């Protein structure tokens, strides 16, 4: 029913997850823990209480956006390693609009969301322009801009927006994504309306890339710039546009934290790691919208459920980071997995 390549494509993420959890079980055995007890505690830490399930959905929300940001750039032939910085800038911009303006809800919230997306898009424009105009590799520029974003954001908060402690004022209800309804049905978790915006964003990425002429151009430039240029496409403009859209997705990931989870912006001592986790989410999700949604749920569940592993099974939460790293490793080793599956299919077909 499936060709060799198709079967490998869809099987690799599941095989990687299996091997990651299997290796984690071995580590638990070596360290003197019961892997069954540990993974049962992990499962209960996500599905055993409606509060933790709500927190899992809340945790996966920004991961969806950062995964989409990485995937969109990759689909168009670019490597956006600056999602972390774009997220931080989007976070700051959305909260700034939230605390500095006094507008009705119908204007205030959309404006704050737009500000986050615009700020992330501008931060993505910089490496896109340098790539298109001067052929500067986007990986180098985006990595450097992560640090610039972190320290610029901290400077602005410390000198212009600081309220109490190490953060800004909380955004008013007119610019907040928080939801009393979602909090009530999840036992007062921090789940907010941004979760549904994230689902909509998955549809938007799919629609842009696969259902529009511009999406075809963006993917074409990513596959072959010379052929695209010969066909009359503006390669430089499409490179810049790809990074702007990717940055906008990342910036919206920051607004989810600023307007939803925390309701403010804080001085960050280090990176949030949400942007870097987005690379793993996109990789495991095969750079597809549905794959990113599912992998974001897995990563969110691992992060939220790890605390229960420590409480109920005495398993160090750092083990989950090892499991995540191993899953990424096995996905990155997809060539070996695909080679084995294709060989297995060939033998089975021969028989």
C-alpha atoms as a PDB file:
ATOM      1  CA  UNK A   1       0.000   0.000   0.000  1.00  0.00           C
ATOM      2  CA  UNK A   2       2.906   2.364   0.731  1.00  0.00           C
ATOM      3  CA  UNK A   3       6.056   2.719  -1.296  1.00  0.00           C
ATOM      4  CA  UNK A   4       9.386   2.091   0.334  1.00  0.00           C
ATOM      5  CA  UNK A   5      10.173   5.746   0.851  1.00  0.00           C
ATOM      6  CA  UNK A   6       6.692   6.580   2.157  1.00  0.00           C
ATOM      7  CA  UNK A   7       6.705   3.773   4.689  1.00  0.00           C
ATOM      8  CA  UNK A   8      10.114   4.837   5.958  1.00  0.00           C
ATOM      9  CA  UNK A   9       9.034   8.459   6.160  1.00  0.00           C
ATOM     10  CA  UNK A  10       6.074   7.755   8.430  1.00  0.00           C
ATOM     11  CA  UNK A  11       7.744   4.977  10.424  1.00  0.00           C
ATOM     12  CA  UNK A  12      10.933   6.828  11.371  1.00  0.00           C
ATOM     13  CA  UNK A  13       9.403   9.154  14.025  1.00  0.00           C
ATOM     14  CA  UNK A  14       7.696   6.220  15.756  1.00  0.00           C
ATOM     15  CA  UNK A  15      10.851   4.127  15.640  1.00  0.00           C
ATOM     16  CA  UNK A  16      12.863   7.049  17.018  1.00  0.00           C
ATOM     17  CA  UNK A  17      10.383   7.521  19.876  1.00  0.00           C
ATOM     18  CA  UNK A  18      10.462   3.803  20.662  1.00  0.00           C
ATOM     19  CA  UNK A  19      14.255   3.677  20.758  1.00  0.00           C
ATOM     20  CA  UNK A  20      14.365   6.854  22.839  1.00  0.00           C
ATOM     21  CA  UNK A  21      12.032   5.432  25.472  1.00  0.00           C
ATOM     22  CA  UNK A  22      13.762   2.051  25.331  1.00  0.00           C
ATOM     23  CA  UNK A  23      17.150   3.663  25.968  1.00  0.00           C
ATOM     24  CA  UNK A  24      15.595   5.673  28.789  1.00  0.00           C
ATOM     25  CA  UNK A  25      14.331   2.423  30.331  1.00  0.00           C
ATOM     26  CA  UNK A  26      17.835   0.968  30.190  1.00  0.00           C
ATOM     27  CA  UNK A  27      19.231   4.052  31.909  1.00  0.00           C
ATOM     28  CA  UNK A  28      16.612   3.724  34.651  1.00  0.00           C
ATOM     29  CA  UNK A  29      17.552   0.081  35.156  1.00  0.00           C
ATOM     30  CA  UNK A  30      21.243   0.895  35.397  1.00  0.00           C
ATOM     31  CA  UNK A  31      20.550   3.677  37.904  1.00  0.00           C
ATOM     32  CA  UNK A  32      18.483   1.347  40.079  1.00  0.00           C
ATOM     33  CA  UNK A  33      14.995   2.545  39.129  1.00  0.00           C
ATOM     34  CA  UNK A  34      12.059   0.575  37.813  1.00  0.00           C
ATOM     35  CA  UNK A  35      11.359   1.742  34.240  1.00  0.00           C
ATOM     36  CA  UNK A  36       7.761   0.518  34.344  1.00  0.00           C
ATOM     37  CA  UNK A  37       7.090   2.512  37.497  1.00  0.00           C
ATOM     38  CA  UNK A  38       8.852   5.505  35.982  1.00  0.00           C
ATOM     39  CA  UNK A  39       6.891   5.521  32.734  1.00  0.00           C
ATOM     40  CA  UNK A  40       3.597   4.855  34.521  1.00  0.00           C
ATOM     41  CA  UNK A  41       4.352   7.902  36.666  1.00  0.00           C
ATOM     42  CA  UNK A  42       5.104   9.874  33.496  1.00  0.00           C
ATOM     43  CA  UNK A  43       1.793   8.814  31.947  1.00  0.00           C
ATOM     44  CA  UNK A  44      -0.124   9.653  35.115  1.00  0.00           C
ATOM     45  CA  UNK A  45       1.657  12.995  35.294  1.00  0.00           C
ATOM     46  CA  UNK A  46       0.001  13.913  31.984  1.00  0.00           C
ATOM     47  CA  UNK A  47      -3.332  12.060  31.904  1.00  0.00           C
ATOM     48  CA  UNK A  48      -3.898  11.234  35.561  1.00  0.00           C
ATOM     49  CA  UNK A  49      -5.115  14.701  36.488  1.00  0.00           C
ATOM     50  CA  UNK A  50      -7.020  17.220  34.370  1.00  0.00           C
ATOM     51  CA  UNK A  51      -4.784  20.009  35.698  1.00  0.00           C
ATOM     52  CA  UNK A  52      -1.628  18.403  34.317  1.00  0.00           C
ATOM     53  CA  UNK A  53      -3.345  17.642  31.017  1.00  0.00           C
ATOM     54  CA  UNK A  54      -4.254  21.322  30.740  1.00  0.00           C
ATOM     55  CA  UNK A  55      -0.655  22.239  31.536  1.00  0.00           C
ATOM     56  CA  UNK A  56       0.518  19.862  28.807  1.00  0.00           C
ATOM     57  CA  UNK A  57      -1.678  21.613  26.243  1.00  0.00           C
ATOM     58  CA  UNK A  58      -0.408  24.947  27.548  1.00  0.00           C
ATOM     59  CA  UNK A  59       3.206  23.762  27.264  1.00  0.00           C
ATOM     60  CA  UNK A  60       2.773  22.529  23.706  1.00  0.00           C
ATOM     61  CA  UNK A  61       1.291  25.840  22.514  1.00  0.00           C
ATOM     62  CA  UNK A  62       4.535  27.823  22.111  1.00  0.00           C
ATOM     63  CA  UNK A  63       6.280  24.637  20.915  1.00  0.00           C
ATOM     64  CA  UNK A  64       3.821  24.442  18.017  1.00  0.00           C
ATOM     65  CA  UNK A  65       4.746  27.968  16.945  1.00  0.00           C
ATOM     66  CA  UNK A  66       8.497  27.458  17.262  1.00  0.00           C
ATOM     67  CA  UNK A  67       8.194  24.145  15.421  1.00  0.00           C
ATOM     68  CA  UNK A  68       6.253  25.848  12.626  1.00  0.00           C
ATOM     69  CA  UNK A  69       8.886  28.585  12.440  1.00  0.00           C
ATOM     70  CA  UNK A  70      11.711  26.084  11.993  1.00  0.00           C
ATOM     71  CA  UNK A  71       9.706  23.928   9.576  1.00  0.00           C
ATOM     72  CA  UNK A  72       8.596  26.825   7.384  1.00  0.00           C
ATOM     73  CA  UNK A  73      12.163  28.005   6.903  1.00  0.00           C
ATOM     74  CA  UNK A  74      13.380  24.468   6.265  1.00  0.00           C
ATOM     75  CA  UNK A  75      10.655  23.836   3.689  1.00  0.00           C
ATOM     76  CA  UNK A  76      11.951  26.852   1.795  1.00  0.00           C
ATOM     77  CA  UNK A  77      15.601  25.780   1.952  1.00  0.00           C
ATOM     78  CA  UNK A  78      16.654  27.848   4.989  1.00  0.00           C
ATOM     79  CA  UNK A  79      17.870  26.984   8.496  1.00  0.00           C
ATOM     80  CA  UNK A  80      16.358  29.348  11.047  1.00  0.00           C
ATOM     81  CA  UNK A  81      18.350  28.773  14.234  1.00  0.00           C
ATOM     82  CA  UNK A  82      17.234  32.175  15.518  1.00  0.00           C
ATOM     83  CA  UNK A  83      13.729  31.140  16.545  1.00  0.00           C
ATOM     84  CA  UNK A  84      14.687  31.643  20.194  1.00  0.00           C
ATOM     85  CA  UNK A  85      15.596  35.283  19.631  1.00  0.00           C
ATOM     86  CA  UNK A  86      12.544  35.929  17.463  1.00  0.00           C
ATOM     87  CA  UNK A  87      10.363  34.440  20.208  1.00  0.00           C
ATOM     88  CA  UNK A  88      11.924  36.703  22.858  1.00  0.00           C
ATOM     89  CA  UNK A  89      11.440  39.810  20.718  1.00  0.00           C
ATOM     90  CA  UNK A  90       7.842  38.821  19.925  1.00  0.00           C
ATOM     91  CA  UNK A  91       7.201  38.247  23.627  1.00  0.00           C
ATOM     92  CA  UNK A  92       8.511  41.712  24.514  1.00  0.00           C
ATOM     93  CA  UNK A  93       6.646  43.486  21.709  1.00  0.00           C
ATOM     94  CA  UNK A  94       3.281  41.926  22.512  1.00  0.00           C
ATOM     95  CA  UNK A  95       3.559  42.667  26.232  1.00  0.00           C
ATOM     96  CA  UNK A  96       4.722  46.225  25.509  1.00  0.00           C
ATOM     97  CA  UNK A  97       1.592  46.881  23.457  1.00  0.00           C
ATOM     98  CA  UNK A  98      -0.444  45.215  26.188  1.00  0.00           C
ATOM     99  CA  UNK A  99       0.822  47.391  29.043  1.00  0.00           C
ATOM    100  CA  UNK A 100       1.338  50.688  27.210  1.00  0.00           C
ATOM    101  CA  UNK A 101      -2.019  50.994  25.417  1.00  0.00           C
ATOM    102  CA  UNK A 102      -5.522  51.293  26.809  1.00  0.00           C
ATOM    103  CA  UNK A 103      -7.898  49.961  24.182  1.00  0.00           C
ATOM    104  CA  UNK A 104     -11.067  47.848  24.033  1.00  0.00           C
ATOM    105  CA  UNK A 105     -10.597  44.074  23.750  1.00  0.00           C
ATOM    106  CA  UNK A 106     -11.645  43.916  20.102  1.00  0.00           C
ATOM    107  CA  UNK A 107      -8.675  46.168  19.215  1.00  0.00           C
ATOM    108  CA  UNK A 108      -6.180  45.605  22.001  1.00  0.00           C
ATOM    109  CA  UNK A 109      -5.682  41.838  21.783  1.00  0.00           C
ATOM    110  CA  UNK A 110      -5.383  41.665  17.974  1.00  0.00           C
ATOM    111  CA  UNK A 111      -2.952  44.601  18.063  1.00  0.00           C
ATOM    112  CA  UNK A 112      -0.802  42.896  20.707  1.00  0.00           C
ATOM    113  CA  UNK A 113      -0.785  39.642  18.717  1.00  0.00           C
ATOM    114  CA  UNK A 114       0.107  41.530  15.552  1.00  0.00           C
ATOM    115  CA  UNK A 115       2.922  43.343  17.362  1.00  0.00           C
ATOM    116  CA  UNK A 116       4.435  40.032  18.449  1.00  0.00           C
ATOM    117  CA  UNK A 117       4.241  38.586  14.942  1.00  0.00           C
ATOM    118  CA  UNK A 118       5.595  41.804  13.399  1.00  0.00           C
ATOM    119  CA  UNK A 119       8.531  41.987  15.809  1.00  0.00           C
ATOM    120  CA  UNK A 120       9.427  38.358  15.158  1.00  0.00           C
ATOM    121  CA  UNK A 121       9.090  38.958  11.423  1.00  0.00           C
ATOM    122  CA  UNK A 122      11.408  41.970  11.569  1.00  0.00           C
ATOM    123  CA  UNK A 123      13.944  39.937  13.533  1.00  0.00           C
ATOM    124  CA  UNK A 124      13.701  37.275  10.822  1.00  0.00           C
ATOM    125  CA  UNK A 125      14.017  39.919   8.089  1.00  0.00           C
ATOM    126  CA  UNK A 126      17.576  40.756   9.171  1.00  0.00           C
ATOM    127  CA  UNK A 127      19.156  37.351   8.389  1.00  0.00           C
ATOM    128  CA  UNK A 128      16.874  36.987   5.369  1.00  0.00           C
ATOM    129  CA  UNK A 129      18.081  40.285   3.901  1.00  0.00           C
ATOM    130  CA  UNK A 130      21.732  39.505   4.624  1.00  0.00           C
ATOM    131  CA  UNK A 131      21.315  36.077   3.032  1.00  0.00           C
ATOM    132  CA  UNK A 132      19.607  37.434  -0.069  1.00  0.00           C
ATOM    133  CA  UNK A 133      21.719  40.558  -0.553  1.00  0.00           C
ATOM    134  CA  UNK A 134      25.178  39.554   0.652  1.00  0.00           C
ATOM    135  CA  UNK A 135      24.984  35.731   0.755  1.00  0.00           C
ATOM    136  CA  UNK A 136      25.719  35.681   4.503  1.00  0.00           C
ATOM    137  CA  UNK A 137      24.811  32.270   5.895  1.00  0.00           C
ATOM    138  CA  UNK A 138      21.592  32.521   7.880  1.00  0.00           C
ATOM    139  CA  UNK A 139      22.740  30.061  10.555  1.00  0.00           C
ATOM    140  CA  UNK A 140      25.563  32.357  11.699  1.00  0.00           C
ATOM    141  CA  UNK A 141      23.405  35.480  11.709  1.00  0.00           C
ATOM    142  CA  UNK A 142      20.441  33.890  13.474  1.00  0.00           C
ATOM    143  CA  UNK A 143      22.626  32.401  16.217  1.00  0.00           C
ATOM    144  CA  UNK A 144      24.189  35.805  16.869  1.00  0.00           C
ATOM    145  CA  UNK A 145      20.795  37.521  16.869  1.00  0.00           C
ATOM    146  CA  UNK A 146      19.592  35.176  19.626  1.00  0.00           C
ATOM    147  CA  UNK A 147      22.025  36.833  22.031  1.00  0.00           C
ATOM    148  CA  UNK A 148      21.213  40.288  20.741  1.00  0.00           C
ATOM    149  CA  UNK A 149      17.505  39.652  21.312  1.00  0.00           C
ATOM    150  CA  UNK A 150      18.080  38.368  24.844  1.00  0.00           C
ATOM    151  CA  UNK A 151      20.149  41.325  25.989  1.00  0.00           C
ATOM    152  CA  UNK A 152      18.190  43.999  24.124  1.00  0.00           C
ATOM    153  CA  UNK A 153      14.971  42.651  25.608  1.00  0.00           C
ATOM    154  CA  UNK A 154      16.445  42.657  29.112  1.00  0.00           C
ATOM    155  CA  UNK A 155      17.736  46.213  28.634  1.00  0.00           C
ATOM    156  CA  UNK A 156      14.349  47.542  27.509  1.00  0.00           C
ATOM    157  CA  UNK A 157      12.511  45.862  30.381  1.00  0.00           C
ATOM    158  CA  UNK A 158      15.062  46.977  32.975  1.00  0.00           C
ATOM    159  CA  UNK A 159      15.198  50.603  31.844  1.00  0.00           C
ATOM    160  CA  UNK A 160      11.725  51.310  30.477  1.00  0.00           C
ATOM    161  CA  UNK A 161       9.126  48.728  31.490  1.00  0.00           C
ATOM    162  CA  UNK A 162      10.236  47.418  34.876  1.00  0.00           C
ATOM    163  CA  UNK A 163       7.443  47.273  37.454  1.00  0.00           C
ATOM    164  CA  UNK A 164       7.962  45.032  40.481  1.00  0.00           C
ATOM    165  CA  UNK A 165      10.691  42.448  40.839  1.00  0.00           C
ATOM    166  CA  UNK A 166      12.259  41.496  37.527  1.00  0.00           C
ATOM    167  CA  UNK A 167       9.255  41.887  35.252  1.00  0.00           C
ATOM    168  CA  UNK A 168       6.824  44.286  33.630  1.00  0.00           C
ATOM    169  CA  UNK A 169       3.284  45.038  34.740  1.00  0.00           C
ATOM    170  CA  UNK A 170       0.736  42.366  33.899  1.00  0.00           C
ATOM    171  CA  UNK A 171      -1.159  42.935  30.686  1.00  0.00           C
ATOM    172  CA  UNK A 172      -4.805  43.989  31.205  1.00  0.00           C
ATOM    173  CA  UNK A 173      -7.701  41.694  30.412  1.00  0.00           C
ATOM    174  CA  UNK A 174      -8.225  43.507  27.120  1.00  0.00           C
ATOM    175  CA  UNK A 175      -4.846  42.197  25.871  1.00  0.00           C
ATOM    176  CA  UNK A 176      -4.803  38.843  27.643  1.00  0.00           C
ATOM    177  CA  UNK A 177      -5.191  35.349  26.192  1.00  0.00           C
ATOM    178  CA  UNK A 178      -6.064  33.881  29.586  1.00  0.00           C
ATOM    179  CA  UNK A 179      -9.397  32.115  29.838  1.00  0.00           C
ATOM    180  CA  UNK A 180     -11.509  31.573  32.946  1.00  0.00           C
ATOM    181  CA  UNK A 181     -13.484  28.942  31.050  1.00  0.00           C
ATOM    182  CA  UNK A 182     -10.423  26.879  30.094  1.00  0.00           C
ATOM    183  CA  UNK A 183      -8.979  27.316  33.571  1.00  0.00           C
ATOM    184  CA  UNK A 184     -12.188  26.061  35.183  1.00  0.00           C
ATOM    185  CA  UNK A 185     -12.502  22.928  33.048  1.00  0.00           C
ATOM    186  CA  UNK A 186      -8.817  22.046  33.634  1.00  0.00           C
ATOM    187  CA  UNK A 187      -8.804  22.572  37.404  1.00  0.00           C
ATOM    188  CA  UNK A 188      -7.253  26.043  37.135  1.00  0.00           C
ATOM    189  CA  UNK A 189      -4.336  25.217  34.878  1.00  0.00           C
ATOM    190  CA  UNK A 190      -2.754  27.995  32.814  1.00  0.00           C
ATOM    191  CA  UNK A 191      -4.276  26.763  29.552  1.00  0.00           C
ATOM    192  CA  UNK A 192      -5.363  29.758  27.469  1.00  0.00           C
ATOM    193  CA  UNK A 193      -6.946  30.647  24.141  1.00  0.00           C
ATOM    194  CA  UNK A 194      -3.559  30.614  22.459  1.00  0.00           C
ATOM    195  CA  UNK A 195      -3.845  26.833  22.149  1.00  0.00           C
ATOM    196  CA  UNK A 196      -6.564  27.263  19.522  1.00  0.00           C
ATOM    197  CA  UNK A 197      -4.579  29.989  17.772  1.00  0.00           C
ATOM    198  CA  UNK A 198      -1.722  27.472  17.535  1.00  0.00           C
ATOM    199  CA  UNK A 199      -4.012  24.922  15.876  1.00  0.00           C
ATOM    200  CA  UNK A 200      -5.110  27.586  13.408  1.00  0.00           C
ATOM    201  CA  UNK A 201      -1.437  28.433  12.736  1.00  0.00           C
ATOM    202  CA  UNK A 202      -0.816  24.812  11.720  1.00  0.00           C
ATOM    203  CA  UNK A 203      -3.559  25.146   9.117  1.00  0.00           C
ATOM    204  CA  UNK A 204      -2.135  28.482   7.966  1.00  0.00           C
ATOM    205  CA  UNK A 205       1.331  27.039   7.343  1.00  0.00           C
ATOM    206  CA  UNK A 206      -0.105  24.096   5.419  1.00  0.00           C
ATOM    207  CA  UNK A 207      -2.309  26.398   3.334  1.00  0.00           C
ATOM    208  CA  UNK A 208       0.478  28.856   2.511  1.00  0.00           C
ATOM    209  CA  UNK A 209       2.994  26.223   1.458  1.00  0.00           C
ATOM    210  CA  UNK A 210       0.739  23.811  -0.393  1.00  0.00           C
ATOM    211  CA  UNK A 211      -2.317  25.743  -1.552  1.00  0.00           C
ATOM    212  CA  UNK A 212      -0.960  29.075  -2.766  1.00  0.00           C
ATOM    213  CA  UNK A 213       1.162  30.164  -5.711  1.00  0.00           C
ATOM    214  CA  UNK A 214       3.485  32.056  -3.388  1.00  0.00           C
ATOM    215  CA  UNK A 215       3.972  28.912  -1.310  1.00  0.00           C
ATOM    216  CA  UNK A 216       4.965  27.038  -4.453  1.00  0.00           C
ATOM    217  CA  UNK A 217       7.475  29.757  -5.245  1.00  0.00           C
ATOM    218  CA  UNK A 218       8.938  29.648  -1.745  1.00  0.00           C
ATOM    219  CA  UNK A 219       9.374  25.880  -1.892  1.00  0.00           C
ATOM    220  CA  UNK A 220      10.756  26.062  -5.416  1.00  0.00           C
ATOM    221  CA  UNK A 221      13.418  28.575  -4.379  1.00  0.00           C
ATOM    222  CA  UNK A 222      14.319  26.286  -1.500  1.00  0.00           C
ATOM    223  CA  UNK A 223      14.738  23.302  -3.821  1.00  0.00           C
ATOM    224  CA  UNK A 224      16.726  25.037  -6.559  1.00  0.00           C
ATOM    225  CA  UNK A 225      17.489  28.748  -6.672  1.00  0.00           C
ATOM    226  CA  UNK A 226      19.009  28.669 -10.145  1.00  0.00           C
ATOM    227  CA  UNK A 227      16.045  26.903 -11.728  1.00  0.00           C
ATOM    228  CA  UNK A 228      13.608  29.195  -9.906  1.00  0.00           C
ATOM    229  CA  UNK A 229      15.448  32.279 -11.121  1.00  0.00           C
ATOM    230  CA  UNK A 230      15.431  30.914 -14.672  1.00  0.00           C
ATOM    231  CA  UNK A 231      11.659  30.409 -14.354  1.00  0.00           C
ATOM    232  CA  UNK A 232      11.241  34.099 -13.545  1.00  0.00           C
ATOM    233  CA  UNK A 233      10.900  33.910  -9.749  1.00  0.00           C
ATOM    234  CA  UNK A 234      12.434  36.620  -7.582  1.00  0.00           C
ATOM    235  CA  UNK A 235      14.820  34.498  -5.508  1.00  0.00           C
ATOM    236  CA  UNK A 236      16.028  37.290  -3.194  1.00  0.00           C
ATOM    237  CA  UNK A 237      12.523  38.477  -2.381  1.00  0.00           C
ATOM    238  CA  UNK A 238      11.366  34.935  -1.623  1.00  0.00           C
ATOM    239  CA  UNK A 239      14.321  34.260   0.670  1.00  0.00           C
ATOM    240  CA  UNK A 240      13.506  37.374   2.672  1.00  0.00           C
ATOM    241  CA  UNK A 241       9.790  36.566   2.748  1.00  0.00           C
ATOM    242  CA  UNK A 242      10.495  33.039   3.994  1.00  0.00           C
ATOM    243  CA  UNK A 243      12.516  34.322   6.938  1.00  0.00           C
ATOM    244  CA  UNK A 244       9.939  37.002   7.716  1.00  0.00           C
ATOM    245  CA  UNK A 245       7.092  34.460   7.853  1.00  0.00           C
ATOM    246  CA  UNK A 246       9.235  32.058   9.874  1.00  0.00           C
ATOM    247  CA  UNK A 247      10.095  34.864  12.293  1.00  0.00           C
ATOM    248  CA  UNK A 248       6.431  35.831  12.564  1.00  0.00           C
ATOM    249  CA  UNK A 249       5.535  32.295  13.655  1.00  0.00           C
ATOM    250  CA  UNK A 250       8.300  32.440  16.256  1.00  0.00           C
ATOM    251  CA  UNK A 251       7.182  35.869  17.449  1.00  0.00           C
ATOM    252  CA  UNK A 252       3.664  34.539  17.955  1.00  0.00           C
ATOM    253  CA  UNK A 253       5.182  31.778  20.074  1.00  0.00           C
ATOM    254  CA  UNK A 254       6.489  34.540  22.324  1.00  0.00           C
ATOM    255  CA  UNK A 255       3.075  36.213  22.499  1.00  0.00           C
ATOM    256  CA  UNK A 256       1.623  32.940  23.774  1.00  0.00           C
ATOM    257  CA  UNK A 257       3.908  33.196  26.790  1.00  0.00           C
ATOM    258  CA  UNK A 258       3.610  36.939  27.246  1.00  0.00           C
ATOM    259  CA  UNK A 259      -0.144  37.325  26.805  1.00  0.00           C
ATOM    260  CA  UNK A 260      -1.189  33.845  27.918  1.00  0.00           C
ATOM    261  CA  UNK A 261       0.972  31.821  30.278  1.00  0.00           C
ATOM    262  CA  UNK A 262       2.666  34.596  32.279  1.00  0.00           C
ATOM    263  CA  UNK A 263       0.802  37.756  31.356  1.00  0.00           C
ATOM    264  CA  UNK A 264       4.011  39.799  31.484  1.00  0.00           C
ATOM    265  CA  UNK A 265       7.608  39.906  30.272  1.00  0.00           C
ATOM    266  CA  UNK A 266      10.501  39.096  32.597  1.00  0.00           C
ATOM    267  CA  UNK A 267      14.193  39.801  32.605  1.00  0.00           C
ATOM    268  CA  UNK A 268      15.608  36.512  31.344  1.00  0.00           C
ATOM    269  CA  UNK A 269      18.814  35.260  32.914  1.00  0.00           C
ATOM    270  CA  UNK A 270      19.240  32.846  30.018  1.00  0.00           C
ATOM    271  CA  UNK A 271      17.356  31.563  27.004  1.00  0.00           C
ATOM    272  CA  UNK A 272      13.863  30.113  27.383  1.00  0.00           C
ATOM    273  CA  UNK A 273      14.930  27.134  25.182  1.00  0.00           C
ATOM    274  CA  UNK A 274      11.478  27.119  23.568  1.00  0.00           C
ATOM    275  CA  UNK A 275      13.045  28.167  20.287  1.00  0.00           C
ATOM    276  CA  UNK A 276      15.687  25.475  20.431  1.00  0.00           C
ATOM    277  CA  UNK A 277      13.074  22.886  21.386  1.00  0.00           C
ATOM    278  CA  UNK A 278      11.212  23.972  18.259  1.00  0.00           C
ATOM    279  CA  UNK A 279      14.047  22.542  16.170  1.00  0.00           C
ATOM    280  CA  UNK A 280      13.468  19.138  17.760  1.00  0.00           C
ATOM    281  CA  UNK A 281       9.689  19.482  17.366  1.00  0.00           C
ATOM    282  CA  UNK A 282      10.029  20.256  13.651  1.00  0.00           C
ATOM    283  CA  UNK A 283      12.563  17.467  13.149  1.00  0.00           C
ATOM    284  CA  UNK A 284      10.384  14.836  14.817  1.00  0.00           C
ATOM    285  CA  UNK A 285       7.288  16.174  13.073  1.00  0.00           C
ATOM    286  CA  UNK A 286       8.956  15.793   9.643  1.00  0.00           C
ATOM    287  CA  UNK A 287       8.339  19.529   9.032  1.00  0.00           C
ATOM    288  CA  UNK A 288       4.607  18.946   8.488  1.00  0.00           C
ATOM    289  CA  UNK A 289       1.776  20.751  10.275  1.00  0.00           C
ATOM    290  CA  UNK A 290       0.137  17.632  11.697  1.00  0.00           C
ATOM    291  CA  UNK A 291       3.505  16.155  12.604  1.00  0.00           C
ATOM    292  CA  UNK A 292       4.503  19.314  14.461  1.00  0.00           C
ATOM    293  CA  UNK A 293       1.224  19.327  16.383  1.00  0.00           C
ATOM    294  CA  UNK A 294       1.746  15.714  17.494  1.00  0.00           C
ATOM    295  CA  UNK A 295       5.427  16.095  18.317  1.00  0.00           C
ATOM    296  CA  UNK A 296       4.701  19.295  20.279  1.00  0.00           C
ATOM    297  CA  UNK A 297       2.214  17.313  22.339  1.00  0.00           C
ATOM    298  CA  UNK A 298       4.830  14.628  22.988  1.00  0.00           C
ATOM    299  CA  UNK A 299       7.463  17.147  24.062  1.00  0.00           C
ATOM    300  CA  UNK A 300       4.948  19.036  26.196  1.00  0.00           C
ATOM    301  CA  UNK A 301       3.861  15.793  27.846  1.00  0.00           C
ATOM    302  CA  UNK A 302       7.454  14.791  28.558  1.00  0.00           C
ATOM    303  CA  UNK A 303       8.238  18.141  30.141  1.00  0.00           C
ATOM    304  CA  UNK A 304       5.094  18.269  32.294  1.00  0.00           C
ATOM    305  CA  UNK A 305       5.071  14.566  33.198  1.00  0.00           C
ATOM    306  CA  UNK A 306       8.734  14.512  34.226  1.00  0.00           C
ATOM    307  CA  UNK A 307       7.948  16.219  37.535  1.00  0.00           C
ATOM    308  CA  UNK A 308       5.617  13.368  38.497  1.00  0.00           C
ATOM    309  CA  UNK A 309       8.339  10.850  37.638  1.00  0.00           C
ATOM    310  CA  UNK A 310      10.485  12.410  40.317  1.00  0.00           C
ATOM    311  CA  UNK A 311       7.692  12.591  42.901  1.00  0.00           C
ATOM    312  CA  UNK A 312       6.113   9.172  42.322  1.00  0.00           C
ATOM    313  CA  UNK A 313       9.017   7.046  41.066  1.00  0.00           C
ATOM    314  CA  UNK A 314      12.088   8.894  42.356  1.00  0.00           C
ATOM    315  CA  UNK A 315      13.410   9.251  38.810  1.00  0.00           C
ATOM    316  CA  UNK A 316      15.488  12.357  38.158  1.00  0.00           C
ATOM    317  CA  UNK A 317      13.673  14.733  35.766  1.00  0.00           C
ATOM    318  CA  UNK A 318      16.929  15.106  33.828  1.00  0.00           C
ATOM    319  CA  UNK A 319      16.234  11.642  32.435  1.00  0.00           C
ATOM    320  CA  UNK A 320      13.518  13.150  30.248  1.00  0.00           C
ATOM    321  CA  UNK A 321      16.090  15.465  28.694  1.00  0.00           C
ATOM    322  CA  UNK A 322      18.156  12.382  27.878  1.00  0.00           C
ATOM    323  CA  UNK A 323      15.119  10.675  26.325  1.00  0.00           C
ATOM    324  CA  UNK A 324      14.393  13.792  24.240  1.00  0.00           C
ATOM    325  CA  UNK A 325      18.023  13.958  23.125  1.00  0.00           C
ATOM    326  CA  UNK A 326      17.960  10.285  22.142  1.00  0.00           C
ATOM    327  CA  UNK A 327      14.745  10.727  20.169  1.00  0.00           C
ATOM    328  CA  UNK A 328      16.367  13.582  18.269  1.00  0.00           C
ATOM    329  CA  UNK A 329      19.474  11.459  17.714  1.00  0.00           C
ATOM    330  CA  UNK A 330      17.475   8.601  16.233  1.00  0.00           C
ATOM    331  CA  UNK A 331      15.490  10.961  14.018  1.00  0.00           C
ATOM    332  CA  UNK A 332      18.749  12.518  12.847  1.00  0.00           C
ATOM    333  CA  UNK A 333      19.969   8.996  12.098  1.00  0.00           C
ATOM    334  CA  UNK A 334      16.973   8.473   9.821  1.00  0.00           C
ATOM    335  CA  UNK A 335      19.188   7.381   6.933  1.00  0.00           C
ATOM    336  CA  UNK A 336      20.159   4.192   8.797  1.00  0.00           C
ATOM    337  CA  UNK A 337      16.561   3.505   9.818  1.00  0.00           C
ATOM    338  CA  UNK A 338      15.321   4.109   6.271  1.00  0.00           C
ATOM    339  CA  UNK A 339      18.059   1.849   4.858  1.00  0.00           C
ATOM    340  CA  UNK A 340      17.059  -0.956   7.224  1.00  0.00           C
ATOM    341  CA  UNK A 341      13.335  -0.589   6.490  1.00  0.00           C
ATOM    342  CA  UNK A 342      13.901  -0.539   2.738  1.00  0.00           C
ATOM    343  CA  UNK A 343      16.115  -3.603   2.969  1.00  0.00           C
ATOM    344  CA  UNK A 344      13.507  -5.365   5.114  1.00  0.00           C
ATOM    345  CA  UNK A 345      10.799  -4.529   2.556  1.00  0.00           C
ATOM    346  CA  UNK A 346      13.001  -5.795  -0.299  1.00  0.00           C
ATOM    347  CA  UNK A 347      13.538  -9.146   1.419  1.00  0.00           C
ATOM    348  CA  UNK A 348       9.856  -9.415   2.210  1.00  0.00           C
ATOM    349  CA  UNK A 349       8.940  -8.606  -1.392  1.00  0.00           C
ATOM    350  CA  UNK A 350      11.421 -11.156  -2.678  1.00  0.00           C
ATOM    351  CA  UNK A 351       9.845 -13.883  -0.602  1.00  0.00           C
END
